[in-house]
Amino acid sequence: MQANGRKVAARFVTLLALPNTCGHDRLGIIASRKLGGAVVRNRAKRRIRELFRRRRVVDAAPPLDIVAIPRRDGHDAPFGALASDFDVALGRLRGRR
């Protein structure tokens, strides 16, 4: 993924992406122990899953396999700030500004 895909670093999350042939986007989350304890890691994963679930789907966009890596700053960030950061990073992955 890292060798052939695209990488976008944002304030609260880093996204890696690679085109897929499934017909829809897929999400994977990596939350290492550097992020915090189990409660912090699980909360970060829940928040990212919810962002992915709520995002607007663009039909013309090619489907991607997306790996999200949350950052420490995001664990206590307001959900709205995290959502806008995720959307901007996803837009940059897809080639939109």
N, C-alpha and C. Protein backbone atom coordinates (compact mmCIF):
# COMPACT_ATOMS: atom_id res chain seq x y z
N MET A 1 0.84 -1.19 0.00
CA MET A 1 0.00 0.00 0.00
C MET A 1 0.88 1.24 0.00
N GLN A 2 1.88 1.29 0.86
CA GLN A 2 2.68 2.50 0.95
C GLN A 2 3.57 2.70 -0.26
N ALA A 3 3.97 1.63 -0.91
CA ALA A 3 4.86 1.76 -2.07
C ALA A 3 4.11 2.23 -3.31
N ASN A 4 2.88 1.78 -3.50
CA ASN A 4 2.15 2.07 -4.73
C ASN A 4 1.00 3.05 -4.54
N GLY A 5 0.62 3.34 -3.33
CA GLY A 5 -0.54 4.18 -3.07
C GLY A 5 -0.18 5.64 -2.89
N ARG A 6 -1.21 6.41 -2.53
CA ARG A 6 -1.03 7.82 -2.24
C ARG A 6 -1.16 8.04 -0.75
N LYS A 7 -0.45 9.03 -0.23
CA LYS A 7 -0.46 9.32 1.20
C LYS A 7 -0.75 10.80 1.39
N VAL A 8 -1.67 11.10 2.30
CA VAL A 8 -2.01 12.48 2.64
C VAL A 8 -2.00 12.60 4.15
N ALA A 9 -1.21 13.53 4.66
CA ALA A 9 -1.15 13.77 6.10
C ALA A 9 -1.96 15.03 6.40
N ALA A 10 -2.87 14.92 7.34
CA ALA A 10 -3.66 16.05 7.81
C ALA A 10 -3.37 16.24 9.29
N ARG A 11 -4.04 17.18 9.91
CA ARG A 11 -3.74 17.50 11.31
C ARG A 11 -4.10 16.35 12.25
N PHE A 12 -5.25 15.72 12.04
CA PHE A 12 -5.74 14.71 12.98
C PHE A 12 -5.63 13.28 12.46
N VAL A 13 -5.36 13.11 11.17
CA VAL A 13 -5.35 11.76 10.60
C VAL A 13 -4.42 11.74 9.38
N THR A 14 -3.81 10.58 9.15
CA THR A 14 -3.04 10.34 7.93
C THR A 14 -3.80 9.29 7.14
N LEU A 15 -3.99 9.54 5.84
CA LEU A 15 -4.71 8.60 4.99
C LEU A 15 -3.79 8.06 3.92
N LEU A 16 -3.87 6.76 3.71
CA LEU A 16 -3.18 6.07 2.62
C LEU A 16 -4.27 5.48 1.73
N ALA A 17 -4.08 5.51 0.42
CA ALA A 17 -5.13 4.99 -0.46
C ALA A 17 -4.52 4.31 -1.68
N LEU A 18 -5.27 3.34 -2.16
CA LEU A 18 -4.90 2.58 -3.33
C LEU A 18 -6.20 2.24 -4.07
N PRO A 19 -6.27 2.41 -5.38
CA PRO A 19 -7.50 2.05 -6.11
C PRO A 19 -7.82 0.56 -5.93
N ASN A 20 -9.12 0.26 -5.91
CA ASN A 20 -9.53 -1.15 -5.82
C ASN A 20 -10.53 -1.47 -6.93
N THR A 21 -10.88 -2.72 -7.06
CA THR A 21 -11.82 -3.15 -8.09
C THR A 21 -13.13 -3.65 -7.51
N CYS A 22 -13.41 -3.32 -6.25
CA CYS A 22 -14.61 -3.81 -5.57
C CYS A 22 -15.87 -3.04 -5.97
N GLY A 23 -15.70 -1.83 -6.46
CA GLY A 23 -16.86 -1.03 -6.80
C GLY A 23 -17.29 -0.08 -5.70
N HIS A 24 -16.63 -0.13 -4.54
CA HIS A 24 -16.94 0.77 -3.43
C HIS A 24 -15.69 0.98 -2.60
N ASP A 25 -15.70 2.06 -1.81
CA ASP A 25 -14.56 2.34 -0.94
C ASP A 25 -14.55 1.36 0.23
N ARG A 26 -13.34 1.04 0.68
CA ARG A 26 -13.18 0.21 1.88
C ARG A 26 -12.25 0.94 2.83
N LEU A 27 -12.45 0.72 4.13
CA LEU A 27 -11.68 1.42 5.15
C LEU A 27 -10.96 0.43 6.05
N GLY A 28 -9.71 0.75 6.34
CA GLY A 28 -8.93 0.04 7.34
C GLY A 28 -8.36 1.09 8.29
N ILE A 29 -8.21 0.75 9.55
CA ILE A 29 -7.73 1.70 10.55
C ILE A 29 -6.56 1.08 11.29
N ILE A 30 -5.49 1.86 11.43
CA ILE A 30 -4.33 1.43 12.21
C ILE A 30 -4.21 2.37 13.40
N ALA A 31 -4.39 1.85 14.59
CA ALA A 31 -4.25 2.64 15.82
C ALA A 31 -3.22 1.95 16.69
N SER A 32 -2.01 2.47 16.69
CA SER A 32 -0.94 1.84 17.44
C SER A 32 -0.99 2.24 18.92
N ARG A 33 -0.19 1.59 19.72
CA ARG A 33 -0.15 1.90 21.15
C ARG A 33 0.42 3.28 21.43
N LYS A 34 1.13 3.86 20.45
CA LYS A 34 1.64 5.22 20.62
C LYS A 34 0.50 6.22 20.76
N LEU A 35 -0.67 5.86 20.24
CA LEU A 35 -1.84 6.72 20.32
C LEU A 35 -2.34 6.84 21.75
N GLY A 36 -2.27 5.76 22.50
CA GLY A 36 -2.73 5.76 23.89
C GLY A 36 -3.18 4.37 24.29
N GLY A 37 -3.89 4.31 25.40
CA GLY A 37 -4.40 3.05 25.90
C GLY A 37 -5.53 2.51 25.04
N ALA A 38 -6.06 1.37 25.42
CA ALA A 38 -7.10 0.71 24.63
C ALA A 38 -8.35 1.58 24.48
N VAL A 39 -8.71 2.28 25.53
CA VAL A 39 -9.91 3.14 25.46
C VAL A 39 -9.72 4.24 24.43
N VAL A 40 -8.56 4.86 24.44
CA VAL A 40 -8.25 5.95 23.49
C VAL A 40 -8.20 5.41 22.07
N ARG A 41 -7.55 4.28 21.87
CA ARG A 41 -7.45 3.70 20.52
C ARG A 41 -8.82 3.30 19.99
N ASN A 42 -9.64 2.68 20.81
CA ASN A 42 -10.96 2.25 20.36
C ASN A 42 -11.86 3.45 20.05
N ARG A 43 -11.75 4.51 20.84
CA ARG A 43 -12.55 5.72 20.58
C ARG A 43 -12.13 6.36 19.26
N ALA A 44 -10.83 6.41 19.02
CA ALA A 44 -10.33 6.98 17.76
C ALA A 44 -10.84 6.16 16.57
N LYS A 45 -10.83 4.84 16.69
CA LYS A 45 -11.32 4.00 15.61
C LYS A 45 -12.82 4.17 15.39
N ARG A 46 -13.59 4.27 16.47
CA ARG A 46 -15.04 4.49 16.34
C ARG A 46 -15.34 5.80 15.64
N ARG A 47 -14.60 6.85 16.00
CA ARG A 47 -14.83 8.16 15.40
C ARG A 47 -14.49 8.15 13.91
N ILE A 48 -13.42 7.50 13.53
CA ILE A 48 -13.05 7.44 12.12
C ILE A 48 -14.04 6.60 11.32
N ARG A 49 -14.50 5.48 11.90
CA ARG A 49 -15.52 4.67 11.23
C ARG A 49 -16.78 5.48 10.98
N GLU A 50 -17.18 6.29 11.96
CA GLU A 50 -18.37 7.12 11.82
C GLU A 50 -18.16 8.19 10.73
N LEU A 51 -16.98 8.79 10.67
CA LEU A 51 -16.68 9.76 9.61
C LEU A 51 -16.79 9.10 8.24
N PHE A 52 -16.24 7.92 8.12
CA PHE A 52 -16.29 7.18 6.85
C PHE A 52 -17.73 6.85 6.48
N ARG A 53 -18.51 6.46 7.45
CA ARG A 53 -19.92 6.10 7.21
C ARG A 53 -20.73 7.31 6.76
N ARG A 54 -20.47 8.49 7.33
CA ARG A 54 -21.25 9.69 7.03
C ARG A 54 -20.81 10.45 5.80
N ARG A 55 -19.66 10.11 5.24
CA ARG A 55 -19.13 10.92 4.15
C ARG A 55 -20.04 10.86 2.93
N ARG A 56 -19.91 11.90 2.10
CA ARG A 56 -20.68 11.95 0.85
C ARG A 56 -19.97 11.09 -0.19
N VAL A 57 -20.72 10.26 -0.86
CA VAL A 57 -20.15 9.39 -1.88
C VAL A 57 -20.23 10.10 -3.22
N VAL A 58 -19.12 10.17 -3.91
CA VAL A 58 -19.07 10.76 -5.24
C VAL A 58 -19.04 9.61 -6.24
N ASP A 59 -20.07 9.53 -7.08
CA ASP A 59 -20.18 8.40 -8.01
C ASP A 59 -19.07 8.38 -9.06
N ALA A 60 -18.62 9.55 -9.49
CA ALA A 60 -17.60 9.60 -10.54
C ALA A 60 -16.21 9.22 -10.02
N ALA A 61 -16.04 9.22 -8.71
CA ALA A 61 -14.72 8.93 -8.13
C ALA A 61 -14.44 7.44 -8.19
N PRO A 62 -13.21 7.05 -8.52
CA PRO A 62 -12.87 5.63 -8.51
C PRO A 62 -12.85 5.10 -7.07
N PRO A 63 -13.25 3.85 -6.87
CA PRO A 63 -13.24 3.29 -5.51
C PRO A 63 -11.81 3.11 -4.99
N LEU A 64 -11.66 3.32 -3.68
CA LEU A 64 -10.35 3.26 -3.05
C LEU A 64 -10.35 2.32 -1.85
N ASP A 65 -9.21 1.72 -1.60
CA ASP A 65 -8.94 1.09 -0.31
C ASP A 65 -8.23 2.16 0.50
N ILE A 66 -8.83 2.56 1.62
CA ILE A 66 -8.31 3.65 2.43
C ILE A 66 -7.85 3.10 3.77
N VAL A 67 -6.64 3.48 4.17
CA VAL A 67 -6.13 3.14 5.49
C VAL A 67 -5.98 4.45 6.25
N ALA A 68 -6.65 4.55 7.39
CA ALA A 68 -6.59 5.76 8.22
C ALA A 68 -5.72 5.49 9.44
N ILE A 69 -4.82 6.42 9.71
CA ILE A 69 -3.96 6.33 10.88
C ILE A 69 -4.23 7.56 11.73
N PRO A 70 -4.96 7.42 12.84
CA PRO A 70 -5.26 8.59 13.67
C PRO A 70 -4.02 9.12 14.36
N ARG A 71 -4.01 10.43 14.60
CA ARG A 71 -2.91 11.07 15.32
C ARG A 71 -3.35 11.43 16.72
N ARG A 72 -2.39 11.65 17.59
CA ARG A 72 -2.68 11.94 18.99
C ARG A 72 -3.53 13.19 19.18
N ASP A 73 -3.32 14.20 18.33
CA ASP A 73 -4.08 15.44 18.46
C ASP A 73 -5.58 15.23 18.27
N GLY A 74 -5.95 14.21 17.50
CA GLY A 74 -7.35 13.99 17.17
C GLY A 74 -8.17 13.33 18.24
N HIS A 75 -7.52 12.76 19.24
CA HIS A 75 -8.29 11.99 20.23
C HIS A 75 -9.18 12.87 21.08
N ASP A 76 -8.84 14.14 21.27
CA ASP A 76 -9.71 15.02 22.05
C ASP A 76 -10.23 16.19 21.22
N ALA A 77 -10.06 16.11 19.89
CA ALA A 77 -10.55 17.18 19.01
C ALA A 77 -12.07 17.09 18.88
N PRO A 78 -12.73 18.23 18.68
CA PRO A 78 -14.18 18.20 18.44
C PRO A 78 -14.49 17.40 17.17
N PHE A 79 -15.63 16.73 17.18
CA PHE A 79 -15.98 15.86 16.05
C PHE A 79 -16.07 16.66 14.75
N GLY A 80 -16.57 17.87 14.81
CA GLY A 80 -16.68 18.70 13.61
C GLY A 80 -15.34 19.01 12.99
N ALA A 81 -14.35 19.32 13.83
CA ALA A 81 -13.00 19.60 13.32
C ALA A 81 -12.39 18.34 12.72
N LEU A 82 -12.61 17.22 13.37
CA LEU A 82 -12.11 15.95 12.86
C LEU A 82 -12.77 15.62 11.52
N ALA A 83 -14.07 15.88 11.40
CA ALA A 83 -14.80 15.60 10.17
C ALA A 83 -14.29 16.46 9.01
N SER A 84 -14.09 17.74 9.25
CA SER A 84 -13.61 18.60 8.17
C SER A 84 -12.19 18.22 7.77
N ASP A 85 -11.35 17.85 8.72
CA ASP A 85 -9.99 17.42 8.44
C ASP A 85 -10.00 16.15 7.60
N PHE A 86 -10.86 15.20 7.95
CA PHE A 86 -10.98 13.94 7.21
C PHE A 86 -11.46 14.20 5.79
N ASP A 87 -12.47 15.07 5.63
CA ASP A 87 -13.00 15.38 4.30
C ASP A 87 -11.97 16.04 3.41
N VAL A 88 -11.20 16.98 3.98
CA VAL A 88 -10.15 17.65 3.20
C VAL A 88 -9.09 16.64 2.77
N ALA A 89 -8.67 15.78 3.68
CA ALA A 89 -7.65 14.78 3.35
C ALA A 89 -8.17 13.81 2.29
N LEU A 90 -9.42 13.40 2.40
CA LEU A 90 -10.00 12.49 1.41
C LEU A 90 -10.12 13.18 0.06
N GLY A 91 -10.48 14.45 0.06
CA GLY A 91 -10.54 15.20 -1.19
C GLY A 91 -9.18 15.32 -1.85
N ARG A 92 -8.15 15.53 -1.05
CA ARG A 92 -6.79 15.61 -1.58
C ARG A 92 -6.35 14.26 -2.15
N LEU A 93 -6.77 13.17 -1.53
CA LEU A 93 -6.46 11.84 -2.06
C LEU A 93 -7.09 11.64 -3.43
N ARG A 94 -8.31 12.11 -3.58
CA ARG A 94 -9.04 11.93 -4.82
C ARG A 94 -8.64 12.95 -5.89
N GLY A 95 -7.76 13.88 -5.54
CA GLY A 95 -7.29 14.85 -6.52
C GLY A 95 -8.07 16.15 -6.53
N ARG A 96 -8.98 16.32 -5.58
CA ARG A 96 -9.74 17.57 -5.48
C ARG A 96 -9.08 18.44 -4.43
N ARG A 97 -9.24 19.72 -4.54
CA ARG A 97 -8.67 20.65 -3.55
C ARG A 97 -9.72 21.15 -2.61
